[in-house]
Structure formats: structure tokens, C-alpha cells
């Protein structure tokens, strides 16, 4: 199953919702506040690094697509 931008966007949304639910309960369960938890779109430098990885190694196309799209 290939990684697509649409599938990654859906995954980002799902993970972000799950992280929010976990963070909302974290302090009550653990006794201290959570740190920052987020999944966000890759920025230009992240995308450049992902593309460079693809050029210098035998990296899976799906992994490059992931790193080109997600920063976290």
C-alpha cells in the first residue's frame, strides 16, 4: 500500500485527535502536565532533507513521501 498525500493528511488528523485526547487526560493520570505533542506538515527545510535522502541512499519512496509531508 503506497503512501499518498491524502492518506498522510488523514493520518495526521487522526493522530492529532488521539494526541489531544491523551494530553487532555495526561495530567490527571500522571500528576504533571504533558509536553508539546503535535504532528504538523513539513516545512521547506524538512522537505529538502527528505529529497536529499532520496538522492543519496536507497530509501523507500514511501519513507521519503512521509518525511516530505510530516514533521514531528
Protein backbone atom coordinates (compact mmCIF):
# COMPACT_ATOMS: atom_id res chain seq x y z
CA UNK A 1 0.00 0.00 0.00
CA UNK A 2 1.65 3.22 -1.16
CA UNK A 3 1.77 6.32 1.00
CA UNK A 4 -0.14 9.18 -0.59
CA UNK A 5 -0.53 12.80 0.46
CA UNK A 6 -4.25 12.21 1.06
CA UNK A 7 -3.55 9.19 3.26
CA UNK A 8 -0.94 11.18 5.22
CA UNK A 9 -3.36 14.07 5.72
CA UNK A 10 -5.95 11.65 7.07
CA UNK A 11 -3.35 10.05 9.34
CA UNK A 12 -2.19 13.45 10.62
CA UNK A 13 -5.77 14.35 11.53
CA UNK A 14 -6.35 11.03 13.30
CA UNK A 15 -3.06 11.20 15.25
CA UNK A 16 -3.64 14.84 16.22
CA UNK A 17 -7.07 13.97 17.63
CA UNK A 18 -5.63 11.00 19.53
CA UNK A 19 -2.81 13.13 20.95
CA UNK A 20 -5.28 15.79 22.08
CA UNK A 21 -7.39 13.19 23.88
CA UNK A 22 -4.29 11.75 25.55
CA UNK A 23 -2.95 15.19 26.53
CA UNK A 24 -6.32 16.17 27.99
CA UNK A 25 -6.12 13.21 30.41
CA UNK A 26 -2.36 13.14 30.90
CA UNK A 27 -2.00 15.47 33.89
CA UNK A 28 -4.87 13.83 35.77
CA UNK A 29 -3.39 10.39 35.22
CA UNK A 30 0.32 11.19 35.61
CA UNK A 31 0.34 14.11 38.03
CA UNK A 32 2.23 16.56 35.82
CA UNK A 33 1.42 18.42 32.59
CA UNK A 34 2.29 16.96 29.20
CA UNK A 35 4.90 18.49 26.93
CA UNK A 36 4.13 19.67 23.41
CA UNK A 37 2.67 16.95 21.23
CA UNK A 38 1.80 17.66 17.64
CA UNK A 39 2.05 16.33 14.14
CA UNK A 40 2.47 19.06 11.58
CA UNK A 41 3.15 19.46 7.92
CA UNK A 42 6.78 19.51 6.89
CA UNK A 43 8.40 22.86 6.24
CA UNK A 44 10.73 23.70 3.36
CA UNK A 45 13.90 22.54 5.18
CA UNK A 46 12.24 19.24 6.11
CA UNK A 47 11.19 18.68 2.51
CA UNK A 48 14.67 19.50 1.22
CA UNK A 49 16.20 16.99 3.66
CA UNK A 50 13.73 14.28 2.58
CA UNK A 51 14.54 14.84 -1.09
CA UNK A 52 18.27 14.79 -0.38
CA UNK A 53 17.82 11.48 1.45
CA UNK A 54 16.20 10.06 -1.67
CA UNK A 55 19.16 11.12 -3.80
CA UNK A 56 21.95 9.82 -1.56
CA UNK A 57 20.58 6.48 -0.40
CA UNK A 58 18.36 3.57 -1.30
CA UNK A 59 15.44 4.82 0.74
CA UNK A 60 11.87 3.65 0.36
CA UNK A 61 9.74 6.02 -1.71
CA UNK A 62 7.05 5.80 0.99
CA UNK A 63 9.53 6.92 3.66
CA UNK A 64 10.61 9.89 1.53
CA UNK A 65 6.96 10.83 0.95
CA UNK A 66 6.35 10.61 4.70
CA UNK A 67 9.32 12.82 5.62
CA UNK A 68 8.48 15.20 2.77
CA UNK A 69 4.98 15.67 4.23
CA UNK A 70 5.18 15.22 8.01
CA UNK A 71 7.40 16.89 10.57
CA UNK A 72 7.27 15.64 14.06
